[in-house]
Each structure stands twice: as C-alpha cells, then as structure tokens.
C-alpha cells in the first residue's frame, strides 16, 4: 500500500464521491521512471489526481491518499513490460514467417517487431480506458489530517468582543 499526502482543491463531478487532490512530489518520485509523465503543474512539484472520497473530505482538507500496490504493479507491467514482450513476440513471429517464405529474416523481424510494438500501445490505450473506470485502480482518500490552514492572502475577519 502506497500513501501520499495532499490537499483537496475541488470535489469531483459526481459530487462528494470523488475529489481532486493536489499532492507534492515525494522523494519516492525521484526514482520513478515515469515521474515526468505524471500530471505535474508549474515547476513540476505539484500533481493533481482524482481520488475516491471515502473519508468525506471537503475542499481545503489535508488528506492521506492510498494507492493499492497490486493495482500499481499491474499498471506498471502494462505500461513498461507488455510493449517489450509484444515487440519480442513480433520479432520472433517475423523470423518464423521469413523462414517459411524464404525472405530476409532481419527485415521481417524488424517489421513484425515494430508492428506488434505499435499494437501494444493501441491495446494499452483501450485497456487503460476500461481500467480508468475500475475503482481498484483509483487512489482513495483514507484519512483527513486536518483543515487547510488559512493562506496569507485570505482576509482576516475580526469579531467584536463584548
């Protein structure tokens, strides 16, 4: 189970069932090979993510996000390992077809390898659409740490003391 901290900045379109959270890149992000592909803003320090709001957090709350490790590993496999395996399978198929047809094995291996590599990305795109609807692949707000501290820009309201 991977956890991150963030601040809710708006509720999702479905109402309070989901919330959009701004998180700050942690030190774990520095070692990740896909750190530049995350939805980073500005200087790349803040990221936005839509999360399932089981803790009923409201705008301005500091929260803890939970990301299931099994889902993270499956998505990582799909993005990084599957295209390579598809390319290898395509290259092997191209070499086999070249042997049967009496063609250049290098040329057909390269052609089939790149064809399968491209088809892997199309497959990832299709599977990604289905997985984005699956709740087990979305982060979940598991705890509210507290309300967001008032910013220095906000006007201070003073009350009368009697």
C-alpha atoms as a PDB file:
ATOM      1  CA  UNK A   1       0.000   0.000   0.000  1.00  0.00           C
ATOM      2  CA  UNK A   2       1.493   3.316  -1.094  1.00  0.00           C
ATOM      3  CA  UNK A   3       0.373   6.506   0.619  1.00  0.00           C
ATOM      4  CA  UNK A   4       0.739  10.167  -0.248  1.00  0.00           C
ATOM      5  CA  UNK A   5      -0.448  13.349   1.419  1.00  0.00           C
ATOM      6  CA  UNK A   6      -2.273  16.149  -0.330  1.00  0.00           C
ATOM      7  CA  UNK A   7      -4.903  18.876  -0.164  1.00  0.00           C
ATOM      8  CA  UNK A   8      -8.404  18.635  -1.658  1.00  0.00           C
ATOM      9  CA  UNK A   9      -8.897  21.544  -4.042  1.00  0.00           C
ATOM     10  CA  UNK A  10     -12.262  20.622  -5.583  1.00  0.00           C
ATOM     11  CA  UNK A  11     -14.895  17.930  -5.447  1.00  0.00           C
ATOM     12  CA  UNK A  12     -15.431  15.649  -8.433  1.00  0.00           C
ATOM     13  CA  UNK A  13     -18.185  15.993 -10.992  1.00  0.00           C
ATOM     14  CA  UNK A  14     -20.088  13.148  -9.315  1.00  0.00           C
ATOM     15  CA  UNK A  15     -20.336  15.245  -6.139  1.00  0.00           C
ATOM     16  CA  UNK A  16     -18.598  14.295  -2.889  1.00  0.00           C
ATOM     17  CA  UNK A  17     -17.981  10.683  -4.053  1.00  0.00           C
ATOM     18  CA  UNK A  18     -14.707  11.804  -5.661  1.00  0.00           C
ATOM     19  CA  UNK A  19     -12.346  14.688  -5.010  1.00  0.00           C
ATOM     20  CA  UNK A  20      -9.433  16.293  -6.834  1.00  0.00           C
ATOM     21  CA  UNK A  21      -6.292  16.366  -4.735  1.00  0.00           C
ATOM     22  CA  UNK A  22      -3.039  18.301  -5.133  1.00  0.00           C
ATOM     23  CA  UNK A  23      -0.054  16.342  -3.940  1.00  0.00           C
ATOM     24  CA  UNK A  24       3.586  17.319  -3.734  1.00  0.00           C
ATOM     25  CA  UNK A  25       6.169  15.058  -5.300  1.00  0.00           C
ATOM     26  CA  UNK A  26       7.801  12.943  -2.632  1.00  0.00           C
ATOM     27  CA  UNK A  27      11.327  11.591  -2.600  1.00  0.00           C
ATOM     28  CA  UNK A  28       9.924   8.313  -3.982  1.00  0.00           C
ATOM     29  CA  UNK A  29       9.002  10.166  -7.181  1.00  0.00           C
ATOM     30  CA  UNK A  30      12.655  10.984  -7.860  1.00  0.00           C
ATOM     31  CA  UNK A  31      13.487   7.332  -8.531  1.00  0.00           C
ATOM     32  CA  UNK A  32      10.406   6.669 -10.665  1.00  0.00           C
ATOM     33  CA  UNK A  33      10.992   6.399 -14.386  1.00  0.00           C
ATOM     34  CA  UNK A  34       7.579   7.892 -15.195  1.00  0.00           C
ATOM     35  CA  UNK A  35       7.930  10.953 -12.950  1.00  0.00           C
ATOM     36  CA  UNK A  36       7.707  13.278 -15.958  1.00  0.00           C
ATOM     37  CA  UNK A  37       4.520  11.647 -17.228  1.00  0.00           C
ATOM     38  CA  UNK A  38       2.540  12.488 -14.088  1.00  0.00           C
ATOM     39  CA  UNK A  39       0.128  15.409 -14.218  1.00  0.00           C
ATOM     40  CA  UNK A  40       2.591  17.958 -12.902  1.00  0.00           C
ATOM     41  CA  UNK A  41       1.882  21.666 -12.740  1.00  0.00           C
ATOM     42  CA  UNK A  42       4.139  24.666 -12.825  1.00  0.00           C
ATOM     43  CA  UNK A  43       7.661  23.693 -11.819  1.00  0.00           C
ATOM     44  CA  UNK A  44       6.723  20.043 -11.613  1.00  0.00           C
ATOM     45  CA  UNK A  45       6.434  19.939  -7.822  1.00  0.00           C
ATOM     46  CA  UNK A  46       2.634  19.644  -7.577  1.00  0.00           C
ATOM     47  CA  UNK A  47       0.477  16.941  -9.137  1.00  0.00           C
ATOM     48  CA  UNK A  48      -3.294  16.622  -9.440  1.00  0.00           C
ATOM     49  CA  UNK A  49      -5.172  13.364  -9.064  1.00  0.00           C
ATOM     50  CA  UNK A  50      -8.838  12.409  -8.816  1.00  0.00           C
ATOM     51  CA  UNK A  51      -9.447  10.131  -5.838  1.00  0.00           C
ATOM     52  CA  UNK A  52     -12.336   8.201  -4.346  1.00  0.00           C
ATOM     53  CA  UNK A  53     -13.527  10.226  -1.361  1.00  0.00           C
ATOM     54  CA  UNK A  54     -14.389   7.559   1.231  1.00  0.00           C
ATOM     55  CA  UNK A  55     -13.288   9.818   4.100  1.00  0.00           C
ATOM     56  CA  UNK A  56     -15.784  12.520   3.024  1.00  0.00           C
ATOM     57  CA  UNK A  57     -13.096  15.181   2.745  1.00  0.00           C
ATOM     58  CA  UNK A  58     -14.076  18.712   1.805  1.00  0.00           C
ATOM     59  CA  UNK A  59     -12.292  21.398  -0.150  1.00  0.00           C
ATOM     60  CA  UNK A  60      -9.263  22.621   1.800  1.00  0.00           C
ATOM     61  CA  UNK A  61      -8.797  19.452   3.882  1.00  0.00           C
ATOM     62  CA  UNK A  62      -5.329  17.939   4.207  1.00  0.00           C
ATOM     63  CA  UNK A  63      -5.702  14.232   3.457  1.00  0.00           C
ATOM     64  CA  UNK A  64      -3.859  10.933   3.065  1.00  0.00           C
ATOM     65  CA  UNK A  65      -4.230   9.052  -0.238  1.00  0.00           C
ATOM     66  CA  UNK A  66      -3.931   5.278  -0.500  1.00  0.00           C
ATOM     67  CA  UNK A  67      -2.855   3.655  -3.759  1.00  0.00           C
ATOM     68  CA  UNK A  68      -3.172  -0.132  -3.871  1.00  0.00           C
ATOM     69  CA  UNK A  69       0.191  -1.715  -4.574  1.00  0.00           C
ATOM     70  CA  UNK A  70      -1.281  -4.577  -6.630  1.00  0.00           C
ATOM     71  CA  UNK A  71      -3.047  -2.143  -8.941  1.00  0.00           C
ATOM     72  CA  UNK A  72       0.100  -0.069  -9.221  1.00  0.00           C
ATOM     73  CA  UNK A  73       2.162  -3.135 -10.168  1.00  0.00           C
ATOM     74  CA  UNK A  74      -0.399  -4.299 -12.755  1.00  0.00           C
ATOM     75  CA  UNK A  75      -0.473  -0.854 -14.370  1.00  0.00           C
ATOM     76  CA  UNK A  76       3.320  -0.698 -14.352  1.00  0.00           C
ATOM     77  CA  UNK A  77       3.511  -4.094 -16.063  1.00  0.00           C
ATOM     78  CA  UNK A  78       1.004  -2.965 -18.685  1.00  0.00           C
ATOM     79  CA  UNK A  79       2.916   0.239 -19.426  1.00  0.00           C
ATOM     80  CA  UNK A  80       6.507  -0.993 -19.353  1.00  0.00           C
ATOM     81  CA  UNK A  81       6.774  -4.766 -19.746  1.00  0.00           C
ATOM     82  CA  UNK A  82       3.878  -5.568 -22.089  1.00  0.00           C
ATOM     83  CA  UNK A  83       5.174  -3.454 -25.042  1.00  0.00           C
ATOM     84  CA  UNK A  84       8.610  -5.074 -24.796  1.00  0.00           C
ATOM     85  CA  UNK A  85       7.114  -8.575 -24.701  1.00  0.00           C
ATOM     86  CA  UNK A  86       4.897  -7.715 -27.672  1.00  0.00           C
ATOM     87  CA  UNK A  87       7.912  -6.457 -29.628  1.00  0.00           C
ATOM     88  CA  UNK A  88       9.885  -9.626 -28.883  1.00  0.00           C
ATOM     89  CA  UNK A  89       6.905 -11.800 -29.874  1.00  0.00           C
ATOM     90  CA  UNK A  90       6.537  -9.847 -33.110  1.00  0.00           C
ATOM     91  CA  UNK A  91      10.226 -10.215 -33.915  1.00  0.00           C
ATOM     92  CA  UNK A  92      10.093 -13.980 -33.306  1.00  0.00           C
ATOM     93  CA  UNK A  93       6.969 -14.310 -35.441  1.00  0.00           C
ATOM     94  CA  UNK A  94       8.617 -12.270 -38.197  1.00  0.00           C
ATOM     95  CA  UNK A  95      11.652 -14.517 -38.141  1.00  0.00           C
ATOM     96  CA  UNK A  96       9.438 -17.637 -38.323  1.00  0.00           C
ATOM     97  CA  UNK A  97       7.393 -16.227 -41.229  1.00  0.00           C
ATOM     98  CA  UNK A  98      10.597 -15.224 -43.038  1.00  0.00           C
ATOM     99  CA  UNK A  99      11.895 -18.778 -42.704  1.00  0.00           C
ATOM    100  CA  UNK A 100       8.694 -20.200 -44.210  1.00  0.00           C
ATOM    101  CA  UNK A 101       8.620 -17.704 -47.084  1.00  0.00           C
ATOM    102  CA  UNK A 102      12.348 -17.674 -47.807  1.00  0.00           C
ATOM    103  CA  UNK A 103      12.589 -13.914 -47.124  1.00  0.00           C
ATOM    104  CA  UNK A 104      15.122 -11.819 -45.248  1.00  0.00           C
ATOM    105  CA  UNK A 105      14.659 -12.730 -41.552  1.00  0.00           C
ATOM    106  CA  UNK A 106      16.131  -9.446 -40.293  1.00  0.00           C
ATOM    107  CA  UNK A 107      13.736  -7.285 -42.288  1.00  0.00           C
ATOM    108  CA  UNK A 108      10.594  -9.224 -41.386  1.00  0.00           C
ATOM    109  CA  UNK A 109      11.677  -9.497 -37.737  1.00  0.00           C
ATOM    110  CA  UNK A 110      12.056  -5.727 -37.543  1.00  0.00           C
ATOM    111  CA  UNK A 111       8.775  -5.115 -39.395  1.00  0.00           C
ATOM    112  CA  UNK A 112       6.758  -7.517 -37.229  1.00  0.00           C
ATOM    113  CA  UNK A 113       8.513  -6.350 -34.051  1.00  0.00           C
ATOM    114  CA  UNK A 114       7.633  -2.700 -34.631  1.00  0.00           C
ATOM    115  CA  UNK A 115       4.114  -3.644 -35.777  1.00  0.00           C
ATOM    116  CA  UNK A 116       3.491  -5.571 -32.560  1.00  0.00           C
ATOM    117  CA  UNK A 117       5.077  -2.758 -30.543  1.00  0.00           C
ATOM    118  CA  UNK A 118       2.592  -0.296 -32.070  1.00  0.00           C
ATOM    119  CA  UNK A 119      -0.295  -2.691 -31.499  1.00  0.00           C
ATOM    120  CA  UNK A 120       0.763  -2.956 -27.840  1.00  0.00           C
ATOM    121  CA  UNK A 121       0.286   0.787 -27.390  1.00  0.00           C
ATOM    122  CA  UNK A 122      -3.146   0.631 -29.015  1.00  0.00           C
ATOM    123  CA  UNK A 123      -4.002  -2.217 -26.645  1.00  0.00           C
ATOM    124  CA  UNK A 124      -2.720  -0.202 -23.671  1.00  0.00           C
ATOM    125  CA  UNK A 125      -4.930   2.709 -24.704  1.00  0.00           C
ATOM    126  CA  UNK A 126      -8.032   0.505 -24.906  1.00  0.00           C
ATOM    127  CA  UNK A 127      -7.299  -1.356 -21.658  1.00  0.00           C
ATOM    128  CA  UNK A 128      -6.493   1.964 -19.957  1.00  0.00           C
ATOM    129  CA  UNK A 129      -9.975   3.265 -20.709  1.00  0.00           C
ATOM    130  CA  UNK A 130     -11.509   0.231 -19.030  1.00  0.00           C
ATOM    131  CA  UNK A 131      -9.153   0.404 -16.047  1.00  0.00           C
ATOM    132  CA  UNK A 132      -9.877   4.103 -15.506  1.00  0.00           C
ATOM    133  CA  UNK A 133     -13.481   3.133 -14.716  1.00  0.00           C
ATOM    134  CA  UNK A 134     -12.375   0.430 -12.263  1.00  0.00           C
ATOM    135  CA  UNK A 135     -12.343   1.760  -8.699  1.00  0.00           C
ATOM    136  CA  UNK A 136      -9.472  -0.516  -7.676  1.00  0.00           C
ATOM    137  CA  UNK A 137      -7.128   1.468  -9.958  1.00  0.00           C
ATOM    138  CA  UNK A 138      -8.002   4.866  -8.459  1.00  0.00           C
ATOM    139  CA  UNK A 139      -6.383   6.337  -5.368  1.00  0.00           C
ATOM    140  CA  UNK A 140      -8.578   6.551  -2.291  1.00  0.00           C
ATOM    141  CA  UNK A 141      -8.748   9.208   0.409  1.00  0.00           C
ATOM    142  CA  UNK A 142      -8.390   7.206   3.615  1.00  0.00           C
ATOM    143  CA  UNK A 143      -7.796   9.850   6.265  1.00  0.00           C
ATOM    144  CA  UNK A 144      -8.323  13.546   6.865  1.00  0.00           C
ATOM    145  CA  UNK A 145      -5.306  15.103   8.611  1.00  0.00           C
ATOM    146  CA  UNK A 146      -6.988  18.438   9.235  1.00  0.00           C
ATOM    147  CA  UNK A 147      -8.395  21.539   7.633  1.00  0.00           C
ATOM    148  CA  UNK A 148      -6.170  23.577   5.368  1.00  0.00           C
ATOM    149  CA  UNK A 149      -4.507  26.432   7.216  1.00  0.00           C
ATOM    150  CA  UNK A 150      -5.694  29.872   6.119  1.00  0.00           C
ATOM    151  CA  UNK A 151      -3.440  31.382   3.480  1.00  0.00           C
ATOM    152  CA  UNK A 152      -1.672  34.679   3.928  1.00  0.00           C
ATOM    153  CA  UNK A 153      -3.725  36.118   1.036  1.00  0.00           C
ATOM    154  CA  UNK A 154      -7.067  35.493   2.749  1.00  0.00           C
ATOM    155  CA  UNK A 155      -8.604  38.468   4.508  1.00  0.00           C
ATOM    156  CA  UNK A 156      -8.662  38.144   8.288  1.00  0.00           C
ATOM    157  CA  UNK A 157     -12.095  38.600   9.780  1.00  0.00           C
ATOM    158  CA  UNK A 158     -12.198  40.072  13.226  1.00  0.00           C
ATOM    159  CA  UNK A 159     -15.150  39.725  15.506  1.00  0.00           C
ATOM    160  CA  UNK A 160     -16.274  42.128  18.210  1.00  0.00           C
ATOM    161  CA  UNK A 161     -15.575  41.131  21.765  1.00  0.00           C
ATOM    162  CA  UNK A 162     -18.140  42.104  24.341  1.00  0.00           C
END
